[in-house]
Amino acid sequence: MALRTASRVDGNQKQIVGALRGIGASVLHVHQLKNCFDILVGYRGRTFIMEIKTSEKEKLTDGEAEFKASWCGSPYHIVYSVDQALALVTASAPSQIPRLSCHPAP
């Protein structure tokens, strides 16, 4: 992963991060890692990978899509709003969080 010295931050990222921290989640910004995701969230013993977009019309970059397709860890979530991010991390059971099978790139 290459580190970017200047990276664009989605307009809703500050509000989403603030809301997550407001419920006691830990949030690590990783948006400076090129072709990765925006934030890593820890909440009640679980880890969430979140790519933040401002609307559903906004698509993943080619690099983000490639990372998502090859990632074999915690599910990669795309979130568009505070409500969506909070609902994701506060789901009462891990089984309510959609899991994708991992198919490593050849």
N, C-alpha and C. Protein backbone atom coordinates (compact mmCIF):
# COMPACT_ATOMS: atom_id res chain seq x y z
N MET A 1 0.83 -1.17 0.00
CA MET A 1 0.00 0.00 0.00
C MET A 1 0.89 1.25 0.00
N ALA A 2 0.63 2.11 -0.93
CA ALA A 2 1.36 3.37 -0.98
C ALA A 2 0.65 4.41 -0.12
N LEU A 3 1.42 5.29 0.50
CA LEU A 3 0.85 6.35 1.32
C LEU A 3 0.75 7.61 0.49
N ARG A 4 -0.43 8.22 0.52
CA ARG A 4 -0.63 9.47 -0.21
C ARG A 4 -0.44 10.63 0.75
N THR A 5 0.28 11.66 0.31
CA THR A 5 0.47 12.82 1.17
C THR A 5 -0.74 13.74 1.11
N ALA A 6 -1.49 13.71 0.02
CA ALA A 6 -2.72 14.49 -0.10
C ALA A 6 -3.81 13.57 -0.60
N SER A 7 -4.88 13.48 0.15
CA SER A 7 -5.97 12.63 -0.28
C SER A 7 -7.29 13.34 0.00
N ARG A 8 -8.25 13.11 -0.86
CA ARG A 8 -9.56 13.73 -0.73
C ARG A 8 -10.34 13.02 0.35
N VAL A 9 -10.96 13.78 1.22
CA VAL A 9 -11.80 13.22 2.27
C VAL A 9 -13.25 13.50 1.91
N ASP A 10 -14.09 12.47 1.98
CA ASP A 10 -15.50 12.65 1.65
C ASP A 10 -16.14 13.65 2.59
N GLY A 11 -17.08 14.45 2.08
CA GLY A 11 -17.71 15.51 2.84
C GLY A 11 -18.43 15.05 4.08
N ASN A 12 -18.89 13.81 4.10
CA ASN A 12 -19.63 13.29 5.26
C ASN A 12 -18.75 12.50 6.22
N GLN A 13 -17.47 12.38 5.94
CA GLN A 13 -16.59 11.57 6.77
C GLN A 13 -16.50 12.11 8.20
N LYS A 14 -16.36 13.41 8.37
CA LYS A 14 -16.23 14.00 9.70
C LYS A 14 -17.45 13.67 10.56
N GLN A 15 -18.65 13.78 9.99
CA GLN A 15 -19.88 13.50 10.73
C GLN A 15 -19.99 12.02 11.09
N ILE A 16 -19.64 11.15 10.15
CA ILE A 16 -19.70 9.71 10.40
C ILE A 16 -18.71 9.31 11.49
N VAL A 17 -17.49 9.81 11.40
CA VAL A 17 -16.48 9.50 12.41
C VAL A 17 -16.91 10.03 13.77
N GLY A 18 -17.43 11.25 13.81
CA GLY A 18 -17.88 11.83 15.08
C GLY A 18 -19.00 11.02 15.72
N ALA A 19 -19.94 10.56 14.90
CA ALA A 19 -21.05 9.75 15.43
C ALA A 19 -20.56 8.41 15.95
N LEU A 20 -19.65 7.78 15.23
CA LEU A 20 -19.10 6.49 15.68
C LEU A 20 -18.34 6.66 16.99
N ARG A 21 -17.53 7.68 17.07
CA ARG A 21 -16.80 7.93 18.32
C ARG A 21 -17.76 8.29 19.45
N GLY A 22 -18.87 8.93 19.10
CA GLY A 22 -19.87 9.32 20.08
C GLY A 22 -20.53 8.14 20.78
N ILE A 23 -20.57 6.98 20.13
CA ILE A 23 -21.14 5.78 20.76
C ILE A 23 -20.06 4.89 21.37
N GLY A 24 -18.82 5.38 21.34
CA GLY A 24 -17.74 4.63 21.97
C GLY A 24 -16.89 3.79 21.05
N ALA A 25 -17.07 3.93 19.76
CA ALA A 25 -16.25 3.18 18.81
C ALA A 25 -14.88 3.85 18.68
N SER A 26 -13.88 3.03 18.40
CA SER A 26 -12.57 3.58 18.06
C SER A 26 -12.50 3.65 16.54
N VAL A 27 -11.90 4.72 16.04
CA VAL A 27 -11.85 4.94 14.59
C VAL A 27 -10.42 5.28 14.19
N LEU A 28 -9.90 4.54 13.24
CA LEU A 28 -8.57 4.80 12.70
C LEU A 28 -8.74 5.26 11.26
N HIS A 29 -8.21 6.43 10.95
CA HIS A 29 -8.25 6.95 9.57
C HIS A 29 -7.17 6.26 8.75
N VAL A 30 -7.55 5.67 7.65
CA VAL A 30 -6.57 5.03 6.76
C VAL A 30 -6.75 5.50 5.32
N HIS A 31 -7.51 6.58 5.12
CA HIS A 31 -7.79 7.05 3.77
C HIS A 31 -6.54 7.49 3.02
N GLN A 32 -5.43 7.70 3.73
CA GLN A 32 -4.20 8.06 3.04
C GLN A 32 -3.50 6.86 2.41
N LEU A 33 -3.96 5.67 2.72
CA LEU A 33 -3.43 4.49 2.04
C LEU A 33 -4.11 4.38 0.68
N LYS A 34 -3.36 4.44 -0.36
CA LYS A 34 -3.92 4.43 -1.71
C LYS A 34 -4.58 3.08 -2.01
N ASN A 35 -5.75 3.13 -2.65
CA ASN A 35 -6.47 1.93 -3.09
C ASN A 35 -6.85 1.02 -1.94
N CYS A 36 -7.37 1.58 -0.88
CA CYS A 36 -7.67 0.80 0.31
C CYS A 36 -9.12 1.09 0.74
N PHE A 37 -9.30 1.75 1.86
CA PHE A 37 -10.62 2.14 2.38
C PHE A 37 -10.39 3.36 3.26
N ASP A 38 -11.46 3.95 3.80
CA ASP A 38 -11.33 5.20 4.53
C ASP A 38 -11.08 5.05 6.02
N ILE A 39 -11.86 4.21 6.70
CA ILE A 39 -11.71 4.10 8.15
C ILE A 39 -11.81 2.65 8.61
N LEU A 40 -11.09 2.38 9.69
CA LEU A 40 -11.15 1.09 10.37
C LEU A 40 -11.82 1.36 11.71
N VAL A 41 -12.91 0.64 12.00
CA VAL A 41 -13.72 0.92 13.18
C VAL A 41 -13.71 -0.30 14.11
N GLY A 42 -13.48 -0.06 15.38
CA GLY A 42 -13.58 -1.10 16.38
C GLY A 42 -14.73 -0.79 17.32
N TYR A 43 -15.60 -1.78 17.55
CA TYR A 43 -16.75 -1.56 18.44
C TYR A 43 -17.17 -2.88 19.05
N ARG A 44 -17.14 -2.92 20.38
CA ARG A 44 -17.55 -4.09 21.14
C ARG A 44 -16.92 -5.39 20.65
N GLY A 45 -15.62 -5.34 20.45
CA GLY A 45 -14.87 -6.53 20.07
C GLY A 45 -14.92 -6.91 18.61
N ARG A 46 -15.54 -6.07 17.79
CA ARG A 46 -15.62 -6.36 16.36
C ARG A 46 -14.91 -5.26 15.57
N THR A 47 -14.47 -5.61 14.39
CA THR A 47 -13.76 -4.68 13.53
C THR A 47 -14.53 -4.51 12.23
N PHE A 48 -14.64 -3.26 11.79
CA PHE A 48 -15.40 -2.95 10.57
C PHE A 48 -14.51 -2.13 9.64
N ILE A 49 -14.47 -2.53 8.40
CA ILE A 49 -13.79 -1.78 7.36
C ILE A 49 -14.86 -0.96 6.66
N MET A 50 -14.64 0.36 6.58
CA MET A 50 -15.63 1.22 5.95
C MET A 50 -15.02 2.13 4.90
N GLU A 51 -15.60 2.08 3.74
CA GLU A 51 -15.32 3.05 2.69
C GLU A 51 -16.50 4.02 2.71
N ILE A 52 -16.21 5.30 2.86
CA ILE A 52 -17.26 6.31 2.95
C ILE A 52 -17.45 6.97 1.59
N LYS A 53 -18.69 7.02 1.17
CA LYS A 53 -19.06 7.71 -0.07
C LYS A 53 -20.18 8.69 0.26
N THR A 54 -20.30 9.74 -0.52
CA THR A 54 -21.32 10.75 -0.25
C THR A 54 -22.69 10.37 -0.81
N SER A 55 -22.71 9.51 -1.82
CA SER A 55 -23.98 9.05 -2.38
C SER A 55 -23.78 7.72 -3.07
N GLU A 56 -24.89 7.03 -3.31
CA GLU A 56 -24.80 5.73 -3.98
C GLU A 56 -24.39 5.87 -5.44
N LYS A 57 -24.45 7.08 -5.96
CA LYS A 57 -24.00 7.33 -7.34
C LYS A 57 -22.48 7.31 -7.43
N GLU A 58 -21.83 7.57 -6.32
CA GLU A 58 -20.37 7.59 -6.28
C GLU A 58 -19.85 6.15 -6.21
N LYS A 59 -19.06 5.75 -7.17
CA LYS A 59 -18.57 4.38 -7.27
C LYS A 59 -17.17 4.25 -6.65
N LEU A 60 -16.81 3.02 -6.33
CA LEU A 60 -15.45 2.75 -5.87
C LEU A 60 -14.47 3.04 -7.00
N THR A 61 -13.28 3.49 -6.64
CA THR A 61 -12.24 3.63 -7.65
C THR A 61 -11.82 2.22 -8.08
N ASP A 62 -11.10 2.12 -9.17
CA ASP A 62 -10.63 0.81 -9.61
C ASP A 62 -9.77 0.15 -8.52
N GLY A 63 -8.91 0.94 -7.88
CA GLY A 63 -8.05 0.41 -6.83
C GLY A 63 -8.84 -0.05 -5.60
N GLU A 64 -9.87 0.72 -5.21
CA GLU A 64 -10.71 0.32 -4.08
C GLU A 64 -11.47 -0.96 -4.40
N ALA A 65 -11.99 -1.05 -5.61
CA ALA A 65 -12.73 -2.25 -6.03
C ALA A 65 -11.82 -3.47 -6.04
N GLU A 66 -10.59 -3.30 -6.49
CA GLU A 66 -9.63 -4.41 -6.51
C GLU A 66 -9.30 -4.85 -5.08
N PHE A 67 -9.08 -3.88 -4.20
CA PHE A 67 -8.80 -4.21 -2.80
C PHE A 67 -9.99 -4.96 -2.20
N LYS A 68 -11.19 -4.47 -2.40
CA LYS A 68 -12.40 -5.10 -1.86
C LYS A 68 -12.51 -6.54 -2.35
N ALA A 69 -12.26 -6.76 -3.62
CA ALA A 69 -12.39 -8.10 -4.21
C ALA A 69 -11.34 -9.07 -3.67
N SER A 70 -10.18 -8.57 -3.29
CA SER A 70 -9.11 -9.46 -2.85
C SER A 70 -8.99 -9.57 -1.33
N TRP A 71 -9.73 -8.76 -0.58
CA TRP A 71 -9.62 -8.74 0.87
C TRP A 71 -10.25 -9.98 1.49
N CYS A 72 -9.53 -10.65 2.38
CA CYS A 72 -10.01 -11.88 3.00
C CYS A 72 -10.29 -11.74 4.50
N GLY A 73 -10.29 -10.52 5.00
CA GLY A 73 -10.54 -10.29 6.42
C GLY A 73 -11.99 -9.89 6.67
N SER A 74 -12.17 -8.97 7.63
CA SER A 74 -13.50 -8.47 7.96
C SER A 74 -14.17 -7.94 6.70
N PRO A 75 -15.51 -8.01 6.63
CA PRO A 75 -16.21 -7.51 5.45
C PRO A 75 -15.91 -6.04 5.16
N TYR A 76 -15.91 -5.71 3.91
CA TYR A 76 -15.65 -4.35 3.41
C TYR A 76 -17.01 -3.71 3.21
N HIS A 77 -17.30 -2.65 3.96
CA HIS A 77 -18.60 -2.00 3.90
C HIS A 77 -18.48 -0.63 3.24
N ILE A 78 -19.43 -0.31 2.40
CA ILE A 78 -19.52 1.02 1.82
C ILE A 78 -20.68 1.72 2.53
N VAL A 79 -20.40 2.85 3.17
CA VAL A 79 -21.43 3.57 3.91
C VAL A 79 -21.60 4.97 3.33
N TYR A 80 -22.86 5.43 3.39
CA TYR A 80 -23.21 6.72 2.80
C TYR A 80 -23.72 7.72 3.83
N SER A 81 -24.02 7.26 5.04
CA SER A 81 -24.62 8.16 6.02
C SER A 81 -24.25 7.76 7.44
N VAL A 82 -24.46 8.70 8.35
CA VAL A 82 -24.27 8.45 9.78
C VAL A 82 -25.17 7.30 10.21
N ASP A 83 -26.44 7.36 9.84
CA ASP A 83 -27.39 6.33 10.25
C ASP A 83 -26.96 4.94 9.78
N GLN A 84 -26.48 4.85 8.56
CA GLN A 84 -26.04 3.56 8.03
C GLN A 84 -24.82 3.04 8.80
N ALA A 85 -23.86 3.91 9.07
CA ALA A 85 -22.66 3.49 9.80
C ALA A 85 -23.01 3.03 11.22
N LEU A 86 -23.88 3.78 11.90
CA LEU A 86 -24.28 3.41 13.25
C LEU A 86 -25.06 2.10 13.26
N ALA A 87 -25.96 1.93 12.30
CA ALA A 87 -26.73 0.69 12.23
C ALA A 87 -25.81 -0.51 12.00
N LEU A 88 -24.80 -0.33 11.19
CA LEU A 88 -23.87 -1.41 10.90
C LEU A 88 -23.14 -1.87 12.16
N VAL A 89 -22.58 -0.93 12.92
CA VAL A 89 -21.78 -1.34 14.07
C VAL A 89 -22.61 -1.73 15.28
N THR A 90 -23.85 -1.28 15.34
CA THR A 90 -24.67 -1.61 16.50
C THR A 90 -25.61 -2.78 16.27
N ALA A 91 -25.49 -3.45 15.13
CA ALA A 91 -26.29 -4.65 14.89
C ALA A 91 -26.08 -5.58 16.09
N SER A 92 -27.16 -6.15 16.59
CA SER A 92 -27.09 -6.89 17.86
C SER A 92 -26.27 -8.16 17.79
N ALA A 93 -26.12 -8.74 16.63
CA ALA A 93 -25.35 -9.98 16.53
C ALA A 93 -24.50 -9.95 15.28
N PRO A 94 -23.27 -10.48 15.36
CA PRO A 94 -22.42 -10.51 14.17
C PRO A 94 -23.09 -11.19 12.97
N SER A 95 -24.01 -12.11 13.21
CA SER A 95 -24.66 -12.80 12.10
C SER A 95 -25.53 -11.87 11.27
N GLN A 96 -25.88 -10.68 11.81
CA GLN A 96 -26.69 -9.72 11.06
C GLN A 96 -25.84 -8.91 10.09
N ILE A 97 -24.54 -9.06 10.18
CA ILE A 97 -23.64 -8.34 9.28
C ILE A 97 -23.35 -9.23 8.09
N PRO A 98 -23.65 -8.76 6.87
CA PRO A 98 -23.43 -9.61 5.70
C PRO A 98 -21.96 -9.98 5.54
N ARG A 99 -21.70 -11.23 5.29
CA ARG A 99 -20.35 -11.72 5.08
C ARG A 99 -20.22 -12.24 3.65
N LEU A 100 -19.12 -11.93 3.04
CA LEU A 100 -18.85 -12.39 1.68
C LEU A 100 -17.77 -13.45 1.75
N SER A 101 -17.84 -14.41 0.87
CA SER A 101 -16.79 -15.41 0.85
C SER A 101 -15.54 -14.78 0.25
N CYS A 102 -14.40 -15.29 0.65
CA CYS A 102 -13.14 -14.74 0.19
C CYS A 102 -12.62 -15.57 -0.98
N HIS A 103 -12.36 -14.89 -2.06
CA HIS A 103 -11.75 -15.55 -3.22
C HIS A 103 -10.49 -14.78 -3.56
N PRO A 104 -9.35 -15.21 -3.02
CA PRO A 104 -8.10 -14.48 -3.26
C PRO A 104 -7.79 -14.36 -4.75
N ALA A 105 -7.19 -13.24 -5.08
CA ALA A 105 -6.77 -13.02 -6.47
C ALA A 105 -5.69 -14.04 -6.82
N PRO A 106 -5.70 -14.53 -8.06
CA PRO A 106 -4.70 -15.53 -8.47
C PRO A 106 -3.30 -14.99 -8.45
